[in-house]
Amino acid sequence: MLGNLLGGFIVIVVGVNLIGTVADQVYTARYNSSGGSTNVSGAAGTILGLTPLFFALGIMSAGVALTVGGLRNAGVM
């Protein structure tokens, strides 16, 4: 139980620390160093722009799943 709760907490902490790096890399992929846009446009640009959102949702769902699993094993839920 405690292992699952601690694992969920660690997943969330690491994910929150990495979301800035993911957002910076997405910006770098969409724009060049001088601020001009690259060849990524249309649907590919839209999906690339949503990548930090998908990353945040994945981290949140993984952390919640680990925490709920630990609480369920302990009989709380």
PDB file of N, CA and C in Angstrom:
ATOM      1  N   MET A   1       0.820  -1.183   0.000  1.00  0.00           N
ATOM      2  CA  MET A   1       0.000   0.000   0.000  1.00  0.00           C
ATOM      3  C   MET A   1       0.867   1.252   0.000  1.00  0.00           C
ATOM      4  N   LEU A   2       1.777   1.318   0.965  1.00  0.00           N
ATOM      5  CA  LEU A   2       2.632   2.505   1.060  1.00  0.00           C
ATOM      6  C   LEU A   2       3.514   2.643  -0.177  1.00  0.00           C
ATOM      7  N   GLY A   3       3.942   1.509  -0.727  1.00  0.00           N
ATOM      8  CA  GLY A   3       4.761   1.548  -1.937  1.00  0.00           C
ATOM      9  C   GLY A   3       4.010   2.144  -3.120  1.00  0.00           C
ATOM     10  N   ASN A   4       2.742   1.788  -3.267  1.00  0.00           N
ATOM     11  CA  ASN A   4       1.945   2.340  -4.370  1.00  0.00           C
ATOM     12  C   ASN A   4       1.681   3.824  -4.175  1.00  0.00           C
ATOM     13  N   LEU A   5       1.410   4.231  -2.940  1.00  0.00           N
ATOM     14  CA  LEU A   5       1.185   5.656  -2.683  1.00  0.00           C
ATOM     15  C   LEU A   5       2.457   6.460  -2.935  1.00  0.00           C
ATOM     16  N   LEU A   6       3.583   5.928  -2.474  1.00  0.00           N
ATOM     17  CA  LEU A   6       4.856   6.608  -2.690  1.00  0.00           C
ATOM     18  C   LEU A   6       5.209   6.633  -4.174  1.00  0.00           C
ATOM     19  N   GLY A   7       4.937   5.527  -4.882  1.00  0.00           N
ATOM     20  CA  GLY A   7       5.188   5.482  -6.326  1.00  0.00           C
ATOM     21  C   GLY A   7       4.345   6.493  -7.085  1.00  0.00           C
ATOM     22  N   GLY A   8       3.077   6.627  -6.711  1.00  0.00           N
ATOM     23  CA  GLY A   8       2.220   7.626  -7.347  1.00  0.00           C
ATOM     24  C   GLY A   8       2.717   9.041  -7.108  1.00  0.00           C
ATOM     25  N   PHE A   9       3.179   9.293  -5.885  1.00  0.00           N
ATOM     26  CA  PHE A   9       3.701  10.620  -5.561  1.00  0.00           C
ATOM     27  C   PHE A   9       4.970  10.910  -6.365  1.00  0.00           C
ATOM     28  N   ILE A  10       5.846   9.921  -6.493  1.00  0.00           N
ATOM     29  CA  ILE A  10       7.086  10.120  -7.243  1.00  0.00           C
ATOM     30  C   ILE A  10       6.792  10.347  -8.725  1.00  0.00           C
ATOM     31  N   VAL A  11       5.838   9.612  -9.270  1.00  0.00           N
ATOM     32  CA  VAL A  11       5.463   9.797 -10.685  1.00  0.00           C
ATOM     33  C   VAL A  11       4.964  11.215 -10.917  1.00  0.00           C
ATOM     34  N   ILE A  12       4.146  11.706 -10.011  1.00  0.00           N
ATOM     35  CA  ILE A  12       3.608  13.066 -10.164  1.00  0.00           C
ATOM     36  C   ILE A  12       4.714  14.104 -10.031  1.00  0.00           C
ATOM     37  N   VAL A  13       5.607  13.945  -9.063  1.00  0.00           N
ATOM     38  CA  VAL A  13       6.687  14.922  -8.865  1.00  0.00           C
ATOM     39  C   VAL A  13       7.620  14.956 -10.072  1.00  0.00           C
ATOM     40  N   VAL A  14       8.007  13.780 -10.566  1.00  0.00           N
ATOM     41  CA  VAL A  14       8.906  13.737 -11.729  1.00  0.00           C
ATOM     42  C   VAL A  14       8.211  14.312 -12.961  1.00  0.00           C
ATOM     43  N   GLY A  15       6.939  13.978 -13.152  1.00  0.00           N
ATOM     44  CA  GLY A  15       6.201  14.490 -14.301  1.00  0.00           C
ATOM     45  C   GLY A  15       6.053  16.003 -14.275  1.00  0.00           C
ATOM     46  N   VAL A  16       5.776  16.550 -13.087  1.00  0.00           N
ATOM     47  CA  VAL A  16       5.637  18.004 -12.974  1.00  0.00           C
ATOM     48  C   VAL A  16       6.972  18.692 -13.246  1.00  0.00           C
ATOM     49  N   ASN A  17       8.071  18.078 -12.830  1.00  0.00           N
ATOM     50  CA  ASN A  17       9.383  18.665 -13.099  1.00  0.00           C
ATOM     51  C   ASN A  17       9.769  18.573 -14.573  1.00  0.00           C
ATOM     52  N   LEU A  18       9.255  17.580 -15.283  1.00  0.00           N
ATOM     53  CA  LEU A  18       9.614  17.419 -16.694  1.00  0.00           C
ATOM     54  C   LEU A  18       8.690  18.156 -17.651  1.00  0.00           C
ATOM     55  N   ILE A  19       7.551  18.641 -17.185  1.00  0.00           N
ATOM     56  CA  ILE A  19       6.602  19.259 -18.112  1.00  0.00           C
ATOM     57  C   ILE A  19       7.157  20.554 -18.719  1.00  0.00           C
ATOM     58  N   GLY A  20       7.992  21.258 -17.985  1.00  0.00           N
ATOM     59  CA  GLY A  20       8.632  22.452 -18.542  1.00  0.00           C
ATOM     60  C   GLY A  20       9.573  22.110 -19.688  1.00  0.00           C
ATOM     61  N   THR A  21      10.319  21.042 -19.519  1.00  0.00           N
ATOM     62  CA  THR A  21      11.234  20.596 -20.568  1.00  0.00           C
ATOM     63  C   THR A  21      10.467  20.146 -21.802  1.00  0.00           C
ATOM     64  N   VAL A  22       9.370  19.441 -21.592  1.00  0.00           N
ATOM     65  CA  VAL A  22       8.544  19.000 -22.722  1.00  0.00           C
ATOM     66  C   VAL A  22       7.989  20.218 -23.467  1.00  0.00           C
ATOM     67  N   ALA A  23       7.492  21.195 -22.728  1.00  0.00           N
ATOM     68  CA  ALA A  23       6.945  22.402 -23.363  1.00  0.00           C
ATOM     69  C   ALA A  23       8.028  23.163 -24.130  1.00  0.00           C
ATOM     70  N   ASP A  24       9.238  23.244 -23.572  1.00  0.00           N
ATOM     71  CA  ASP A  24      10.337  23.917 -24.275  1.00  0.00           C
ATOM     72  C   ASP A  24      10.705  23.187 -25.566  1.00  0.00           C
ATOM     73  N   GLN A  25      10.730  21.863 -25.533  1.00  0.00           N
ATOM     74  CA  GLN A  25      11.070  21.100 -26.729  1.00  0.00           C
ATOM     75  C   GLN A  25       9.992  21.211 -27.799  1.00  0.00           C
ATOM     76  N   VAL A  26       8.736  21.280 -27.381  1.00  0.00           N
ATOM     77  CA  VAL A  26       7.650  21.472 -28.343  1.00  0.00           C
ATOM     78  C   VAL A  26       7.775  22.847 -28.998  1.00  0.00           C
ATOM     79  N   TYR A  27       8.101  23.863 -28.205  1.00  0.00           N
ATOM     80  CA  TYR A  27       8.295  25.206 -28.761  1.00  0.00           C
ATOM     81  C   TYR A  27       9.458  25.205 -29.757  1.00  0.00           C
ATOM     82  N   THR A  28      10.542  24.510 -29.407  1.00  0.00           N
ATOM     83  CA  THR A  28      11.693  24.427 -30.300  1.00  0.00           C
ATOM     84  C   THR A  28      11.330  23.711 -31.598  1.00  0.00           C
ATOM     85  N   ALA A  29      10.478  22.705 -31.510  1.00  0.00           N
ATOM     86  CA  ALA A  29      10.067  21.980 -32.720  1.00  0.00           C
ATOM     87  C   ALA A  29       9.162  22.830 -33.599  1.00  0.00           C
ATOM     88  N   ARG A  30       8.380  23.721 -32.979  1.00  0.00           N
ATOM     89  CA  ARG A  30       7.441  24.530 -33.773  1.00  0.00           C
ATOM     90  C   ARG A  30       8.077  25.789 -34.342  1.00  0.00           C
ATOM     91  N   TYR A  31       9.063  26.355 -33.643  1.00  0.00           N
ATOM     92  CA  TYR A  31       9.667  27.627 -34.069  1.00  0.00           C
ATOM     93  C   TYR A  31      11.179  27.483 -34.086  1.00  0.00           C
ATOM     94  N   ASN A  32      11.826  28.160 -35.017  1.00  0.00           N
ATOM     95  CA  ASN A  32      13.279  28.118 -35.050  1.00  0.00           C
ATOM     96  C   ASN A  32      13.858  29.114 -34.046  1.00  0.00           C
ATOM     97  N   SER A  33      15.187  29.207 -33.989  1.00  0.00           N
ATOM     98  CA  SER A  33      15.836  30.017 -32.961  1.00  0.00           C
ATOM     99  C   SER A  33      15.554  31.512 -33.108  1.00  0.00           C
ATOM    100  N   SER A  34      15.223  31.975 -34.296  1.00  0.00           N
ATOM    101  CA  SER A  34      14.943  33.397 -34.476  1.00  0.00           C
ATOM    102  C   SER A  34      13.467  33.738 -34.293  1.00  0.00           C
ATOM    103  N   GLY A  35      12.644  32.769 -33.967  1.00  0.00           N
ATOM    104  CA  GLY A  35      11.232  33.030 -33.715  1.00  0.00           C
ATOM    105  C   GLY A  35      10.320  32.780 -34.898  1.00  0.00           C
ATOM    106  N   GLY A  36      10.901  32.492 -36.050  1.00  0.00           N
ATOM    107  CA  GLY A  36      10.089  32.188 -37.226  1.00  0.00           C
ATOM    108  C   GLY A  36       9.550  30.776 -37.171  1.00  0.00           C
ATOM    109  N   SER A  37       8.436  30.550 -37.844  1.00  0.00           N
ATOM    110  CA  SER A  37       7.844  29.217 -37.797  1.00  0.00           C
ATOM    111  C   SER A  37       8.618  28.253 -38.694  1.00  0.00           C
ATOM    112  N   THR A  38       8.499  26.985 -38.400  1.00  0.00           N
ATOM    113  CA  THR A  38       9.156  25.946 -39.188  1.00  0.00           C
ATOM    114  C   THR A  38       8.157  25.370 -40.186  1.00  0.00           C
ATOM    115  N   ASN A  39       8.480  24.237 -40.762  1.00  0.00           N
ATOM    116  CA  ASN A  39       7.601  23.612 -41.748  1.00  0.00           C
ATOM    117  C   ASN A  39       6.454  22.841 -41.113  1.00  0.00           C
ATOM    118  N   VAL A  40       6.361  22.837 -39.797  1.00  0.00           N
ATOM    119  CA  VAL A  40       5.272  22.130 -39.122  1.00  0.00           C
ATOM    120  C   VAL A  40       4.049  23.033 -39.144  1.00  0.00           C
ATOM    121  N   SER A  41       3.003  22.587 -39.834  1.00  0.00           N
ATOM    122  CA  SER A  41       1.791  23.405 -39.924  1.00  0.00           C
ATOM    123  C   SER A  41       0.585  22.490 -40.067  1.00  0.00           C
ATOM    124  N   GLY A  42      -0.565  23.066 -40.012  1.00  0.00           N
ATOM    125  CA  GLY A  42      -1.793  22.304 -40.185  1.00  0.00           C
ATOM    126  C   GLY A  42      -2.069  21.383 -39.014  1.00  0.00           C
ATOM    127  N   ALA A  43      -2.519  20.185 -39.337  1.00  0.00           N
ATOM    128  CA  ALA A  43      -2.876  19.216 -38.297  1.00  0.00           C
ATOM    129  C   ALA A  43      -1.659  18.794 -37.484  1.00  0.00           C
ATOM    130  N   ALA A  44      -0.499  18.672 -38.125  1.00  0.00           N
ATOM    131  CA  ALA A  44       0.711  18.277 -37.405  1.00  0.00           C
ATOM    132  C   ALA A  44       1.096  19.340 -36.381  1.00  0.00           C
ATOM    133  N   GLY A  45       0.956  20.604 -36.736  1.00  0.00           N
ATOM    134  CA  GLY A  45       1.247  21.673 -35.795  1.00  0.00           C
ATOM    135  C   GLY A  45       0.284  21.699 -34.628  1.00  0.00           C
ATOM    136  N   THR A  46      -0.981  21.406 -34.903  1.00  0.00           N
ATOM    137  CA  THR A  46      -1.981  21.373 -33.838  1.00  0.00           C
ATOM    138  C   THR A  46      -1.707  20.243 -32.865  1.00  0.00           C
ATOM    139  N   ILE A  47      -1.416  19.069 -33.388  1.00  0.00           N
ATOM    140  CA  ILE A  47      -1.125  17.920 -32.521  1.00  0.00           C
ATOM    141  C   ILE A  47       0.167  18.160 -31.748  1.00  0.00           C
ATOM    142  N   LEU A  48       1.165  18.738 -32.393  1.00  0.00           N
ATOM    143  CA  LEU A  48       2.414  19.052 -31.707  1.00  0.00           C
ATOM    144  C   LEU A  48       2.176  20.053 -30.581  1.00  0.00           C
ATOM    145  N   GLY A  49       1.307  21.020 -30.796  1.00  0.00           N
ATOM    146  CA  GLY A  49       0.985  21.996 -29.759  1.00  0.00           C
ATOM    147  C   GLY A  49       0.245  21.383 -28.580  1.00  0.00           C
ATOM    148  N   LEU A  50      -0.482  20.290 -28.820  1.00  0.00           N
ATOM    149  CA  LEU A  50      -1.216  19.616 -27.744  1.00  0.00           C
ATOM    150  C   LEU A  50      -0.375  18.598 -26.989  1.00  0.00           C
ATOM    151  N   THR A  51       0.862  18.372 -27.404  1.00  0.00           N
ATOM    152  CA  THR A  51       1.718  17.380 -26.762  1.00  0.00           C
ATOM    153  C   THR A  51       1.915  17.636 -25.264  1.00  0.00           C
ATOM    154  N   PRO A  52       2.173  18.868 -24.804  1.00  0.00           N
ATOM    155  CA  PRO A  52       2.299  19.074 -23.352  1.00  0.00           C
ATOM    156  C   PRO A  52       1.018  18.741 -22.587  1.00  0.00           C
ATOM    157  N   LEU A  53      -0.134  18.990 -23.194  1.00  0.00           N
ATOM    158  CA  LEU A  53      -1.397  18.635 -22.550  1.00  0.00           C
ATOM    159  C   LEU A  53      -1.519  17.123 -22.404  1.00  0.00           C
ATOM    160  N   PHE A  54      -1.204  16.385 -23.476  1.00  0.00           N
ATOM    161  CA  PHE A  54      -1.264  14.926 -23.416  1.00  0.00           C
ATOM    162  C   PHE A  54      -0.268  14.381 -22.396  1.00  0.00           C
ATOM    163  N   PHE A  55       0.909  14.986 -22.320  1.00  0.00           N
ATOM    164  CA  PHE A  55       1.909  14.557 -21.342  1.00  0.00           C
ATOM    165  C   PHE A  55       1.394  14.778 -19.922  1.00  0.00           C
ATOM    166  N   ALA A  56       0.804  15.939 -19.677  1.00  0.00           N
ATOM    167  CA  ALA A  56       0.271  16.233 -18.342  1.00  0.00           C
ATOM    168  C   ALA A  56      -0.872  15.290 -17.984  1.00  0.00           C
ATOM    169  N   LEU A  57      -1.748  15.009 -18.931  1.00  0.00           N
ATOM    170  CA  LEU A  57      -2.851  14.077 -18.676  1.00  0.00           C
ATOM    171  C   LEU A  57      -2.330  12.668 -18.401  1.00  0.00           C
ATOM    172  N   GLY A  58      -1.301  12.248 -19.101  1.00  0.00           N
ATOM    173  CA  GLY A  58      -0.709  10.933 -18.877  1.00  0.00           C
ATOM    174  C   GLY A  58      -0.070  10.822 -17.509  1.00  0.00           C
ATOM    175  N   ILE A  59       0.647  11.850 -17.105  1.00  0.00           N
ATOM    176  CA  ILE A  59       1.271  11.847 -15.777  1.00  0.00           C
ATOM    177  C   ILE A  59       0.205  11.836 -14.698  1.00  0.00           C
ATOM    178  N   MET A  60      -0.834  12.636 -14.871  1.00  0.00           N
ATOM    179  CA  MET A  60      -1.902  12.687 -13.874  1.00  0.00           C
ATOM    180  C   MET A  60      -2.605  11.342 -13.767  1.00  0.00           C
ATOM    181  N   SER A  61      -2.942  10.749 -14.899  1.00  0.00           N
ATOM    182  CA  SER A  61      -3.670   9.487 -14.850  1.00  0.00           C
ATOM    183  C   SER A  61      -2.798   8.363 -14.285  1.00  0.00           C
ATOM    184  N   ALA A  62      -1.508   8.348 -14.581  1.00  0.00           N
ATOM    185  CA  ALA A  62      -0.623   7.322 -14.021  1.00  0.00           C
ATOM    186  C   ALA A  62      -0.501   7.482 -12.510  1.00  0.00           C
ATOM    187  N   GLY A  63      -0.339   8.701 -12.048  1.00  0.00           N
ATOM    188  CA  GLY A  63      -0.253   8.935 -10.607  1.00  0.00           C
ATOM    189  C   GLY A  63      -1.530   8.582  -9.878  1.00  0.00           C
ATOM    190  N   VAL A  64      -2.659   8.941 -10.454  1.00  0.00           N
ATOM    191  CA  VAL A  64      -3.948   8.626  -9.830  1.00  0.00           C
ATOM    192  C   VAL A  64      -4.187   7.122  -9.829  1.00  0.00           C
ATOM    193  N   ALA A  65      -3.836   6.443 -10.911  1.00  0.00           N
ATOM    194  CA  ALA A  65      -4.036   4.992 -10.981  1.00  0.00           C
ATOM    195  C   ALA A  65      -3.189   4.269  -9.937  1.00  0.00           C
ATOM    196  N   LEU A  66      -1.948   4.684  -9.768  1.00  0.00           N
ATOM    197  CA  LEU A  66      -1.101   4.068  -8.747  1.00  0.00           C
ATOM    198  C   LEU A  66      -1.637   4.329  -7.348  1.00  0.00           C
ATOM    199  N   THR A  67      -2.088   5.542  -7.091  1.00  0.00           N
ATOM    200  CA  THR A  67      -2.609   5.890  -5.774  1.00  0.00           C
ATOM    201  C   THR A  67      -3.903   5.142  -5.480  1.00  0.00           C
ATOM    202  N   VAL A  68      -4.807   5.084  -6.427  1.00  0.00           N
ATOM    203  CA  VAL A  68      -6.073   4.370  -6.227  1.00  0.00           C
ATOM    204  C   VAL A  68      -5.813   2.881  -6.039  1.00  0.00           C
ATOM    205  N   GLY A  69      -4.864   2.333  -6.776  1.00  0.00           N
ATOM    206  CA  GLY A  69      -4.509   0.924  -6.600  1.00  0.00           C
ATOM    207  C   GLY A  69      -3.996   0.642  -5.198  1.00  0.00           C
ATOM    208  N   GLY A  70      -3.169   1.546  -4.680  1.00  0.00           N
ATOM    209  CA  GLY A  70      -2.673   1.377  -3.313  1.00  0.00           C
ATOM    210  C   GLY A  70      -3.773   1.492  -2.285  1.00  0.00           C
ATOM    211  N   LEU A  71      -4.665   2.429  -2.467  1.00  0.00           N
ATOM    212  CA  LEU A  71      -5.777   2.586  -1.520  1.00  0.00           C
ATOM    213  C   LEU A  71      -6.754   1.411  -1.609  1.00  0.00           C
ATOM    214  N   ARG A  72      -6.946   0.886  -2.812  1.00  0.00           N
ATOM    215  CA  ARG A  72      -7.834  -0.258  -2.974  1.00  0.00           C
ATOM    216  C   ARG A  72      -7.246  -1.511  -2.296  1.00  0.00           C
ATOM    217  N   ASN A  73      -5.935  -1.699  -2.419  1.00  0.00           N
ATOM    218  CA  ASN A  73      -5.287  -2.834  -1.760  1.00  0.00           C
ATOM    219  C   ASN A  73      -5.356  -2.713  -0.238  1.00  0.00           C
ATOM    220  N   ALA A  74      -5.386  -1.483   0.269  1.00  0.00           N
ATOM    221  CA  ALA A  74      -5.453  -1.278   1.708  1.00  0.00           C
ATOM    222  C   ALA A  74      -6.873  -1.393   2.230  1.00  0.00           C
ATOM    223  N   GLY A  75      -7.846  -1.441   1.339  1.00  0.00           N
ATOM    224  CA  GLY A  75      -9.236  -1.558   1.761  1.00  0.00           C
ATOM    225  C   GLY A  75      -9.925  -0.227   2.021  1.00  0.00           C
ATOM    226  N   VAL A  76      -9.284   0.871   1.692  1.00  0.00           N
ATOM    227  CA  VAL A  76      -9.872   2.190   1.900  1.00  0.00           C
ATOM    228  C   VAL A  76     -10.911   2.485   0.830  1.00  0.00           C
ATOM    229  N   MET A  77     -10.659   2.054  -0.383  1.00  0.00           N
ATOM    230  CA  MET A  77     -11.596   2.306  -1.494  1.00  0.00           C
ATOM    231  C   MET A  77     -12.193   1.014  -1.962  1.00  0.00           C
TER     232      MET A  77
END
